[in-house]
Amino acid sequence: LDERERIIAALEQAGWVQAKAARLLNMTPRQVAYRVQTLNIKMR
């Protein structure tokens, strides 16, 4: 998986809650929010 796919997959599993996705990825919510921005992920 590339990083973008991983973040999207985690967001989908977390119901598009960034804090939950961050826990799934062992990242901080800030890191997830940053990648959503930089990787141009459209939040559902």
All heavy atoms as atom14 arrays in JSON, in Angstrom:
{
  "sequence": "LDERERIIAALEQAGWVQAKAARLLNMTPRQVAYRVQTLNIKMR",
  "atom14_mask": [
    [1, 1, 1, 1, 1, 1, 1, 1, 0, 0, 0, 0, 0, 0],
    [1, 1, 1, 1, 1, 1, 1, 1, 0, 0, 0, 0, 0, 0],
    [1, 1, 1, 1, 1, 1, 1, 1, 1, 0, 0, 0, 0, 0],
    [1, 1, 1, 1, 1, 1, 1, 1, 1, 1, 1, 0, 0, 0],
    [1, 1, 1, 1, 1, 1, 1, 1, 1, 0, 0, 0, 0, 0],
    [1, 1, 1, 1, 1, 1, 1, 1, 1, 1, 1, 0, 0, 0],
    [1, 1, 1, 1, 1, 1, 1, 1, 0, 0, 0, 0, 0, 0],
    [1, 1, 1, 1, 1, 1, 1, 1, 0, 0, 0, 0, 0, 0],
    [1, 1, 1, 1, 1, 0, 0, 0, 0, 0, 0, 0, 0, 0],
    [1, 1, 1, 1, 1, 0, 0, 0, 0, 0, 0, 0, 0, 0],
    [1, 1, 1, 1, 1, 1, 1, 1, 0, 0, 0, 0, 0, 0],
    [1, 1, 1, 1, 1, 1, 1, 1, 1, 0, 0, 0, 0, 0],
    [1, 1, 1, 1, 1, 1, 1, 1, 1, 0, 0, 0, 0, 0],
    [1, 1, 1, 1, 1, 0, 0, 0, 0, 0, 0, 0, 0, 0],
    [1, 1, 1, 1, 0, 0, 0, 0, 0, 0, 0, 0, 0, 0],
    [1, 1, 1, 1, 1, 1, 1, 1, 1, 1, 1, 1, 1, 1],
    [1, 1, 1, 1, 1, 1, 1, 0, 0, 0, 0, 0, 0, 0],
    [1, 1, 1, 1, 1, 1, 1, 1, 1, 0, 0, 0, 0, 0],
    [1, 1, 1, 1, 1, 0, 0, 0, 0, 0, 0, 0, 0, 0],
    [1, 1, 1, 1, 1, 1, 1, 1, 1, 0, 0, 0, 0, 0],
    [1, 1, 1, 1, 1, 0, 0, 0, 0, 0, 0, 0, 0, 0],
    [1, 1, 1, 1, 1, 0, 0, 0, 0, 0, 0, 0, 0, 0],
    [1, 1, 1, 1, 1, 1, 1, 1, 1, 1, 1, 0, 0, 0],
    [1, 1, 1, 1, 1, 1, 1, 1, 0, 0, 0, 0, 0, 0],
    [1, 1, 1, 1, 1, 1, 1, 1, 0, 0, 0, 0, 0, 0],
    [1, 1, 1, 1, 1, 1, 1, 1, 0, 0, 0, 0, 0, 0],
    [1, 1, 1, 1, 1, 1, 1, 1, 0, 0, 0, 0, 0, 0],
    [1, 1, 1, 1, 1, 1, 1, 0, 0, 0, 0, 0, 0, 0],
    [1, 1, 1, 1, 1, 1, 1, 0, 0, 0, 0, 0, 0, 0],
    [1, 1, 1, 1, 1, 1, 1, 1, 1, 1, 1, 0, 0, 0],
    [1, 1, 1, 1, 1, 1, 1, 1, 1, 0, 0, 0, 0, 0],
    [1, 1, 1, 1, 1, 1, 1, 0, 0, 0, 0, 0, 0, 0],
    [1, 1, 1, 1, 1, 0, 0, 0, 0, 0, 0, 0, 0, 0],
    [1, 1, 1, 1, 1, 1, 1, 1, 1, 1, 1, 1, 0, 0],
    [1, 1, 1, 1, 1, 1, 1, 1, 1, 1, 1, 0, 0, 0],
    [1, 1, 1, 1, 1, 1, 1, 0, 0, 0, 0, 0, 0, 0],
    [1, 1, 1, 1, 1, 1, 1, 1, 1, 0, 0, 0, 0, 0],
    [1, 1, 1, 1, 1, 1, 1, 0, 0, 0, 0, 0, 0, 0],
    [1, 1, 1, 1, 1, 1, 1, 1, 0, 0, 0, 0, 0, 0],
    [1, 1, 1, 1, 1, 1, 1, 1, 0, 0, 0, 0, 0, 0],
    [1, 1, 1, 1, 1, 1, 1, 1, 0, 0, 0, 0, 0, 0],
    [1, 1, 1, 1, 1, 1, 1, 1, 1, 0, 0, 0, 0, 0],
    [1, 1, 1, 1, 1, 1, 1, 1, 0, 0, 0, 0, 0, 0],
    [1, 1, 1, 1, 1, 1, 1, 1, 1, 1, 1, 0, 0, 0]
  ],
  "atom14_positions": [
    [[0.84, -1.19, 0.0], [0.0, 0.0, 0.0], [0.88, 1.24, 0.0], [1.85, 1.3, 0.74], [-0.85, 0.05, 1.28], [-2.05, -0.87, 1.39], [-2.79, -0.57, 2.68], [-2.98, -0.74, 0.22], [0.0, 0.0, 0.0], [0.0, 0.0, 0.0], [0.0, 0.0, 0.0], [0.0, 0.0, 0.0], [0.0, 0.0, 0.0], [0.0, 0.0, 0.0]],
    [[0.51, 2.24, -0.81], [1.22, 3.5, -0.65], [0.56, 4.26, 0.5], [-0.5, 3.87, 1.01], [1.29, 4.3, -1.95], [-0.05, 4.83, -2.43], [-0.94, 5.05, -1.59], [-0.19, 5.05, -3.64], [0.0, 0.0, 0.0], [0.0, 0.0, 0.0], [0.0, 0.0, 0.0], [0.0, 0.0, 0.0], [0.0, 0.0, 0.0], [0.0, 0.0, 0.0]],
    [[1.2, 5.33, 0.92], [0.73, 6.01, 2.13], [-0.69, 6.53, 1.96], [-1.51, 6.44, 2.87], [1.68, 7.17, 2.47], [1.29, 7.79, 3.8], [2.36, 8.72, 4.34], [2.84, 9.59, 3.59], [2.69, 8.56, 5.51], [0.0, 0.0, 0.0], [0.0, 0.0, 0.0], [0.0, 0.0, 0.0], [0.0, 0.0, 0.0], [0.0, 0.0, 0.0]],
    [[-0.98, 7.05, 0.78], [-2.31, 7.61, 0.53], [-3.38, 6.52, 0.68], [-4.42, 6.73, 1.31], [-2.34, 8.21, -0.88], [-3.6, 8.99, -1.17], [-3.44, 9.81, -2.46], [-4.54, 10.76, -2.55], [-5.74, 10.41, -3.02], [-5.97, 9.17, -3.43], [-6.71, 11.3, -3.05], [0.0, 0.0, 0.0], [0.0, 0.0, 0.0], [0.0, 0.0, 0.0]],
    [[-3.12, 5.35, 0.1], [-4.07, 4.23, 0.19], [-4.26, 3.81, 1.65], [-5.38, 3.49, 2.06], [-3.58, 3.04, -0.63], [-3.63, 3.27, -2.13], [-2.99, 2.13, -2.91], [-1.91, 1.65, -2.5], [-3.56, 1.74, -3.93], [0.0, 0.0, 0.0], [0.0, 0.0, 0.0], [0.0, 0.0, 0.0], [0.0, 0.0, 0.0], [0.0, 0.0, 0.0]],
    [[-3.17, 3.77, 2.4], [-3.26, 3.38, 3.81], [-4.13, 4.34, 4.6], [-4.95, 3.93, 5.41], [-1.86, 3.36, 4.46], [-1.13, 2.07, 4.29], [0.17, 2.08, 5.09], [-0.06, 1.92, 6.49], [0.58, 2.59, 7.45], [1.49, 3.47, 7.14], [0.31, 2.37, 8.71], [0.0, 0.0, 0.0], [0.0, 0.0, 0.0], [0.0, 0.0, 0.0]],
    [[-3.92, 5.65, 4.38], [-4.69, 6.65, 5.11], [-6.17, 6.53, 4.75], [-7.03, 6.56, 5.62], [-4.16, 8.07, 4.79], [-2.67, 8.17, 5.07], [-4.98, 9.13, 5.51], [-2.24, 8.76, 6.35], [0.0, 0.0, 0.0], [0.0, 0.0, 0.0], [0.0, 0.0, 0.0], [0.0, 0.0, 0.0], [0.0, 0.0, 0.0], [0.0, 0.0, 0.0]],
    [[-6.46, 6.4, 3.45], [-7.85, 6.29, 3.02], [-8.48, 5.03, 3.61], [-9.61, 5.05, 4.1], [-7.95, 6.29, 1.48], [-7.58, 7.69, 0.95], [-9.35, 5.9, 1.02], [-7.46, 7.78, -0.55], [0.0, 0.0, 0.0], [0.0, 0.0, 0.0], [0.0, 0.0, 0.0], [0.0, 0.0, 0.0], [0.0, 0.0, 0.0], [0.0, 0.0, 0.0]],
    [[-7.75, 3.91, 3.59], [-8.29, 2.66, 4.14], [-8.58, 2.82, 5.63], [-9.62, 2.38, 6.12], [-7.3, 1.52, 3.9], [0.0, 0.0, 0.0], [0.0, 0.0, 0.0], [0.0, 0.0, 0.0], [0.0, 0.0, 0.0], [0.0, 0.0, 0.0], [0.0, 0.0, 0.0], [0.0, 0.0, 0.0], [0.0, 0.0, 0.0], [0.0, 0.0, 0.0]],
    [[-7.67, 3.46, 6.34], [-7.87, 3.66, 7.78], [-9.07, 4.57, 8.02], [-9.88, 4.32, 8.93], [-6.61, 4.24, 8.42], [0.0, 0.0, 0.0], [0.0, 0.0, 0.0], [0.0, 0.0, 0.0], [0.0, 0.0, 0.0], [0.0, 0.0, 0.0], [0.0, 0.0, 0.0], [0.0, 0.0, 0.0], [0.0, 0.0, 0.0], [0.0, 0.0, 0.0]],
    [[-9.18, 5.62, 7.22], [-10.32, 6.54, 7.38], [-11.64, 5.81, 7.12], [-12.61, 5.99, 7.85], [-10.18, 7.72, 6.42], [-9.16, 8.79, 6.84], [-8.82, 9.69, 5.67], [-9.69, 9.61, 8.01], [0.0, 0.0, 0.0], [0.0, 0.0, 0.0], [0.0, 0.0, 0.0], [0.0, 0.0, 0.0], [0.0, 0.0, 0.0], [0.0, 0.0, 0.0]],
    [[-11.65, 4.96, 6.11], [-12.88, 4.21, 5.82], [-13.23, 3.3, 6.98], [-14.38, 3.22, 7.4], [-12.72, 3.43, 4.51], [-12.82, 4.34, 3.31], [-12.62, 3.63, 1.98], [-12.12, 2.48, 1.98], [-12.94, 4.23, 0.95], [0.0, 0.0, 0.0], [0.0, 0.0, 0.0], [0.0, 0.0, 0.0], [0.0, 0.0, 0.0], [0.0, 0.0, 0.0]],
    [[-12.21, 2.62, 7.53], [-12.47, 1.73, 8.67], [-12.93, 2.52, 9.89], [-13.7, 2.02, 10.7], [-11.2, 0.95, 9.03], [-10.86, -0.12, 8.01], [-9.61, -0.89, 8.4], [-9.37, -1.15, 9.57], [-8.82, -1.24, 7.41], [0.0, 0.0, 0.0], [0.0, 0.0, 0.0], [0.0, 0.0, 0.0], [0.0, 0.0, 0.0], [0.0, 0.0, 0.0]],
    [[-12.46, 3.75, 10.0], [-12.76, 4.58, 11.17], [-14.0, 5.44, 10.96], [-14.28, 6.32, 11.76], [-11.56, 5.46, 11.5], [0.0, 0.0, 0.0], [0.0, 0.0, 0.0], [0.0, 0.0, 0.0], [0.0, 0.0, 0.0], [0.0, 0.0, 0.0], [0.0, 0.0, 0.0], [0.0, 0.0, 0.0], [0.0, 0.0, 0.0], [0.0, 0.0, 0.0]],
    [[-14.73, 5.19, 9.87], [-15.91, 5.99, 9.6], [-15.57, 7.45, 9.32], [-16.35, 8.34, 9.63], [0.0, 0.0, 0.0], [0.0, 0.0, 0.0], [0.0, 0.0, 0.0], [0.0, 0.0, 0.0], [0.0, 0.0, 0.0], [0.0, 0.0, 0.0], [0.0, 0.0, 0.0], [0.0, 0.0, 0.0], [0.0, 0.0, 0.0], [0.0, 0.0, 0.0]],
    [[-14.39, 7.67, 8.76], [-13.93, 9.02, 8.38], [-13.72, 9.92, 9.59], [-13.85, 11.13, 9.5], [-14.82, 9.65, 7.31], [-14.68, 8.85, 6.04], [-15.41, 7.75, 5.7], [-13.71, 9.01, 5.01], [-14.94, 7.22, 4.52], [-13.91, 7.97, 4.06], [-12.69, 9.93, 4.79], [-13.12, 7.84, 2.92], [-11.92, 9.8, 3.65], [-12.13, 8.77, 2.72]],
    [[-13.41, 9.29, 10.73], [-13.04, 10.06, 11.92], [-11.51, 10.05, 11.99], [-10.91, 9.0, 12.2], [-13.65, 9.44, 13.2], [-13.21, 10.2, 14.43], [-15.17, 9.4, 13.08], [0.0, 0.0, 0.0], [0.0, 0.0, 0.0], [0.0, 0.0, 0.0], [0.0, 0.0, 0.0], [0.0, 0.0, 0.0], [0.0, 0.0, 0.0], [0.0, 0.0, 0.0]],
    [[-10.91, 11.23, 11.81], [-9.45, 11.27, 11.71], [-8.75, 10.77, 12.96], [-7.74, 10.09, 12.89], [-8.98, 12.69, 11.37], [-9.3, 13.07, 9.93], [-8.69, 14.4, 9.53], [-7.79, 14.92, 10.19], [-9.17, 14.95, 8.44], [0.0, 0.0, 0.0], [0.0, 0.0, 0.0], [0.0, 0.0, 0.0], [0.0, 0.0, 0.0], [0.0, 0.0, 0.0]],
    [[-9.31, 11.09, 14.14], [-8.66, 10.65, 15.38], [-8.66, 9.13, 15.48], [-7.68, 8.53, 15.93], [-9.36, 11.27, 16.59], [0.0, 0.0, 0.0], [0.0, 0.0, 0.0], [0.0, 0.0, 0.0], [0.0, 0.0, 0.0], [0.0, 0.0, 0.0], [0.0, 0.0, 0.0], [0.0, 0.0, 0.0], [0.0, 0.0, 0.0], [0.0, 0.0, 0.0]],
    [[-9.76, 8.5, 15.05], [-9.83, 7.03, 15.08], [-8.87, 6.43, 14.07], [-8.19, 5.44, 14.35], [-11.25, 6.57, 14.74], [-12.16, 6.39, 15.92], [-13.38, 5.61, 15.42], [-14.55, 5.73, 16.38], [-15.77, 5.17, 15.79], [0.0, 0.0, 0.0], [0.0, 0.0, 0.0], [0.0, 0.0, 0.0], [0.0, 0.0, 0.0], [0.0, 0.0, 0.0]],
    [[-8.83, 7.03, 12.88], [-7.92, 6.54, 11.84], [-6.48, 6.64, 12.33], [-5.66, 5.75, 12.09], [-8.11, 7.34, 10.55], [0.0, 0.0, 0.0], [0.0, 0.0, 0.0], [0.0, 0.0, 0.0], [0.0, 0.0, 0.0], [0.0, 0.0, 0.0], [0.0, 0.0, 0.0], [0.0, 0.0, 0.0], [0.0, 0.0, 0.0], [0.0, 0.0, 0.0]],
    [[-6.18, 7.73, 13.03], [-4.83, 7.92, 13.55], [-4.45, 6.77, 14.49], [-3.34, 6.25, 14.43], [-4.72, 9.25, 14.28], [0.0, 0.0, 0.0], [0.0, 0.0, 0.0], [0.0, 0.0, 0.0], [0.0, 0.0, 0.0], [0.0, 0.0, 0.0], [0.0, 0.0, 0.0], [0.0, 0.0, 0.0], [0.0, 0.0, 0.0], [0.0, 0.0, 0.0]],
    [[-5.4, 6.36, 15.35], [-5.11, 5.24, 16.25], [-4.85, 3.97, 15.47], [-3.94, 3.21, 15.81], [-6.29, 5.03, 17.22], [-6.23, 5.96, 18.42], [-7.06, 5.45, 19.58], [-8.48, 5.34, 19.26], [-9.34, 6.35, 19.3], [-8.94, 7.56, 19.64], [-10.61, 6.16, 19.0], [0.0, 0.0, 0.0], [0.0, 0.0, 0.0], [0.0, 0.0, 0.0]],
    [[-5.64, 3.73, 14.42], [-5.43, 2.52, 13.61], [-4.05, 2.5, 12.98], [-3.46, 1.45, 12.78], [-6.48, 2.44, 12.5], [-7.93, 2.17, 12.93], [-8.85, 2.3, 11.72], [-8.06, 0.79, 13.55], [0.0, 0.0, 0.0], [0.0, 0.0, 0.0], [0.0, 0.0, 0.0], [0.0, 0.0, 0.0], [0.0, 0.0, 0.0], [0.0, 0.0, 0.0]],
    [[-3.54, 3.7, 12.66], [-2.25, 3.8, 11.97], [-1.1, 4.04, 12.93], [0.04, 4.21, 12.5], [-2.31, 4.97, 10.97], [-3.31, 4.8, 9.82], [-3.55, 6.12, 9.13], [-2.81, 3.76, 8.84], [0.0, 0.0, 0.0], [0.0, 0.0, 0.0], [0.0, 0.0, 0.0], [0.0, 0.0, 0.0], [0.0, 0.0, 0.0], [0.0, 0.0, 0.0]],
    [[-1.39, 4.1, 14.23], [-0.37, 4.46, 15.23], [0.26, 5.81, 14.89], [1.48, 5.97, 14.94], [0.71, 3.37, 15.34], [0.14, 2.1, 15.91], [-0.63, 2.12, 16.86], [0.49, 0.98, 15.31], [0.0, 0.0, 0.0], [0.0, 0.0, 0.0], [0.0, 0.0, 0.0], [0.0, 0.0, 0.0], [0.0, 0.0, 0.0], [0.0, 0.0, 0.0]],
    [[-0.59, 6.75, 14.52], [-0.14, 8.1, 14.22], [-0.92, 9.06, 15.11], [-1.9, 8.66, 15.73], [-0.42, 8.43, 12.74], [0.45, 7.67, 11.76], [-0.24, 7.69, 10.1], [0.23, 9.31, 9.58], [0.0, 0.0, 0.0], [0.0, 0.0, 0.0], [0.0, 0.0, 0.0], [0.0, 0.0, 0.0], [0.0, 0.0, 0.0], [0.0, 0.0, 0.0]],
    [[-0.49, 10.3, 15.13], [-1.27, 11.3, 15.85], [-2.33, 11.86, 14.91], [-2.15, 11.83, 13.68], [-0.37, 12.46, 16.34], [0.11, 13.16, 15.19], [0.8, 11.95, 17.17], [0.0, 0.0, 0.0], [0.0, 0.0, 0.0], [0.0, 0.0, 0.0], [0.0, 0.0, 0.0], [0.0, 0.0, 0.0], [0.0, 0.0, 0.0], [0.0, 0.0, 0.0]],
    [[-3.43, 12.38, 15.47], [-4.45, 12.99, 14.6], [-3.87, 14.11, 13.73], [-4.29, 14.3, 12.6], [-5.49, 13.53, 15.59], [-5.34, 12.64, 16.79], [-3.88, 12.29, 16.86], [0.0, 0.0, 0.0], [0.0, 0.0, 0.0], [0.0, 0.0, 0.0], [0.0, 0.0, 0.0], [0.0, 0.0, 0.0], [0.0, 0.0, 0.0], [0.0, 0.0, 0.0]],
    [[-2.89, 14.82, 14.27], [-2.25, 15.89, 13.48], [-1.55, 15.33, 12.25], [-1.59, 15.92, 11.17], [-1.2, 16.62, 14.33], [-1.73, 17.8, 15.07], [-0.57, 18.55, 15.68], [0.11, 19.34, 14.66], [0.15, 20.66, 14.65], [-0.43, 21.33, 15.62], [0.75, 21.31, 13.7], [0.0, 0.0, 0.0], [0.0, 0.0, 0.0], [0.0, 0.0, 0.0]],
    [[-0.85, 14.2, 12.43], [-0.15, 13.58, 11.3], [-1.15, 13.16, 10.22], [-0.91, 13.35, 9.03], [0.64, 12.35, 11.76], [1.88, 12.68, 12.57], [2.52, 11.43, 13.13], [1.85, 10.62, 13.78], [3.8, 11.28, 12.9], [0.0, 0.0, 0.0], [0.0, 0.0, 0.0], [0.0, 0.0, 0.0], [0.0, 0.0, 0.0], [0.0, 0.0, 0.0]],
    [[-2.28, 12.6, 10.67], [-3.3, 12.18, 9.71], [-3.88, 13.4, 8.99], [-4.0, 13.41, 7.77], [-4.41, 11.36, 10.4], [-5.58, 11.12, 9.45], [-3.85, 10.03, 10.89], [0.0, 0.0, 0.0], [0.0, 0.0, 0.0], [0.0, 0.0, 0.0], [0.0, 0.0, 0.0], [0.0, 0.0, 0.0], [0.0, 0.0, 0.0], [0.0, 0.0, 0.0]],
    [[-4.2, 14.45, 9.75], [-4.77, 15.66, 9.15], [-3.8, 16.26, 8.13], [-4.21, 16.69, 7.05], [-5.11, 16.67, 10.24], [0.0, 0.0, 0.0], [0.0, 0.0, 0.0], [0.0, 0.0, 0.0], [0.0, 0.0, 0.0], [0.0, 0.0, 0.0], [0.0, 0.0, 0.0], [0.0, 0.0, 0.0], [0.0, 0.0, 0.0], [0.0, 0.0, 0.0]],
    [[-2.52, 16.24, 8.48], [-1.5, 16.79, 7.58], [-1.46, 16.0, 6.27], [-1.41, 16.57, 5.18], [-0.13, 16.75, 8.27], [1.0, 17.22, 7.39], [1.18, 18.57, 7.13], [1.89, 16.32, 6.82], [2.21, 19.02, 6.32], [2.92, 16.75, 6.01], [3.08, 18.09, 5.76], [4.1, 18.52, 4.95], [0.0, 0.0, 0.0], [0.0, 0.0, 0.0]],
    [[-1.51, 14.68, 6.39], [-1.44, 13.85, 5.18], [-2.72, 13.97, 4.36], [-2.66, 13.92, 3.13], [-1.16, 12.39, 5.55], [0.31, 12.2, 5.88], [0.57, 10.88, 6.58], [1.98, 10.68, 6.85], [2.65, 11.28, 7.83], [2.04, 12.14, 8.62], [3.93, 11.03, 8.02], [0.0, 0.0, 0.0], [0.0, 0.0, 0.0], [0.0, 0.0, 0.0]],
    [[-3.86, 14.11, 5.02], [-5.11, 14.33, 4.28], [-4.95, 15.57, 3.41], [-5.35, 15.58, 2.24], [-6.31, 14.47, 5.25], [-7.53, 15.05, 4.54], [-6.66, 13.11, 5.86], [0.0, 0.0, 0.0], [0.0, 0.0, 0.0], [0.0, 0.0, 0.0], [0.0, 0.0, 0.0], [0.0, 0.0, 0.0], [0.0, 0.0, 0.0], [0.0, 0.0, 0.0]],
    [[-4.33, 16.6, 3.97], [-4.1, 17.83, 3.2], [-3.07, 17.61, 2.09], [-3.33, 17.91, 0.93], [-3.57, 18.93, 4.12], [-4.65, 19.79, 4.72], [-4.03, 21.03, 5.35], [-2.97, 20.97, 5.99], [-4.69, 22.15, 5.18], [0.0, 0.0, 0.0], [0.0, 0.0, 0.0], [0.0, 0.0, 0.0], [0.0, 0.0, 0.0], [0.0, 0.0, 0.0]],
    [[-1.89, 17.1, 2.45], [-0.79, 17.04, 1.49], [-1.05, 15.99, 0.4], [-0.6, 16.15, -0.72], [0.55, 16.73, 2.18], [0.42, 15.51, 2.91], [0.94, 17.85, 3.11], [0.0, 0.0, 0.0], [0.0, 0.0, 0.0], [0.0, 0.0, 0.0], [0.0, 0.0, 0.0], [0.0, 0.0, 0.0], [0.0, 0.0, 0.0], [0.0, 0.0, 0.0]],
    [[-1.77, 14.92, 0.74], [-2.04, 13.87, -0.24], [-3.35, 14.13, -0.97], [-3.8, 13.31, -1.77], [-2.07, 12.5, 0.45], [-0.76, 12.1, 1.13], [-0.97, 10.87, 2.0], [0.33, 11.84, 0.11], [0.0, 0.0, 0.0], [0.0, 0.0, 0.0], [0.0, 0.0, 0.0], [0.0, 0.0, 0.0], [0.0, 0.0, 0.0], [0.0, 0.0, 0.0]],
    [[-3.98, 15.26, -0.66], [-5.21, 15.67, -1.35], [-6.29, 14.6, -1.25], [-6.86, 14.17, -2.26], [-4.91, 16.02, -2.81], [-6.05, 16.8, -3.44], [-6.83, 17.45, -2.74], [-6.16, 16.72, -4.75], [0.0, 0.0, 0.0], [0.0, 0.0, 0.0], [0.0, 0.0, 0.0], [0.0, 0.0, 0.0], [0.0, 0.0, 0.0], [0.0, 0.0, 0.0]],
    [[-6.56, 14.14, -0.04], [-7.59, 13.14, 0.21], [-8.9, 13.87, 0.48], [-8.96, 14.76, 1.33], [-7.22, 12.25, 1.4], [-5.96, 11.43, 1.06], [-8.39, 11.33, 1.78], [-5.35, 10.72, 2.25], [0.0, 0.0, 0.0], [0.0, 0.0, 0.0], [0.0, 0.0, 0.0], [0.0, 0.0, 0.0], [0.0, 0.0, 0.0], [0.0, 0.0, 0.0]],
    [[-9.92, 13.52, -0.28], [-11.22, 14.14, -0.09], [-11.92, 13.45, 1.09], [-12.18, 12.25, 1.02], [-12.08, 14.01, -1.34], [-11.4, 14.6, -2.56], [-12.29, 15.61, -3.25], [-11.67, 16.19, -4.51], [-10.24, 16.44, -4.47], [0.0, 0.0, 0.0], [0.0, 0.0, 0.0], [0.0, 0.0, 0.0], [0.0, 0.0, 0.0], [0.0, 0.0, 0.0]],
    [[-12.21, 14.2, 2.12], [-12.89, 13.61, 3.27], [-14.34, 13.34, 2.94], [-15.05, 14.21, 2.46], [-12.81, 14.57, 4.48], [-11.44, 14.66, 5.1], [-10.83, 13.08, 5.73], [-11.94, 12.84, 7.13], [0.0, 0.0, 0.0], [0.0, 0.0, 0.0], [0.0, 0.0, 0.0], [0.0, 0.0, 0.0], [0.0, 0.0, 0.0], [0.0, 0.0, 0.0]],
    [[-14.77, 12.12, 3.17], [-16.16, 11.76, 2.93], [-16.96, 12.08, 4.18], [-16.55, 11.73, 5.29], [-16.25, 10.26, 2.64], [-16.95, 9.99, 1.34], [-16.84, 8.54, 0.99], [-15.68, 8.32, 0.13], [-15.17, 7.12, -0.13], [-15.67, 6.05, 0.46], [-14.15, 7.0, -0.93], [0.0, 0.0, 0.0], [0.0, 0.0, 0.0], [0.0, 0.0, 0.0]]
  ]
}
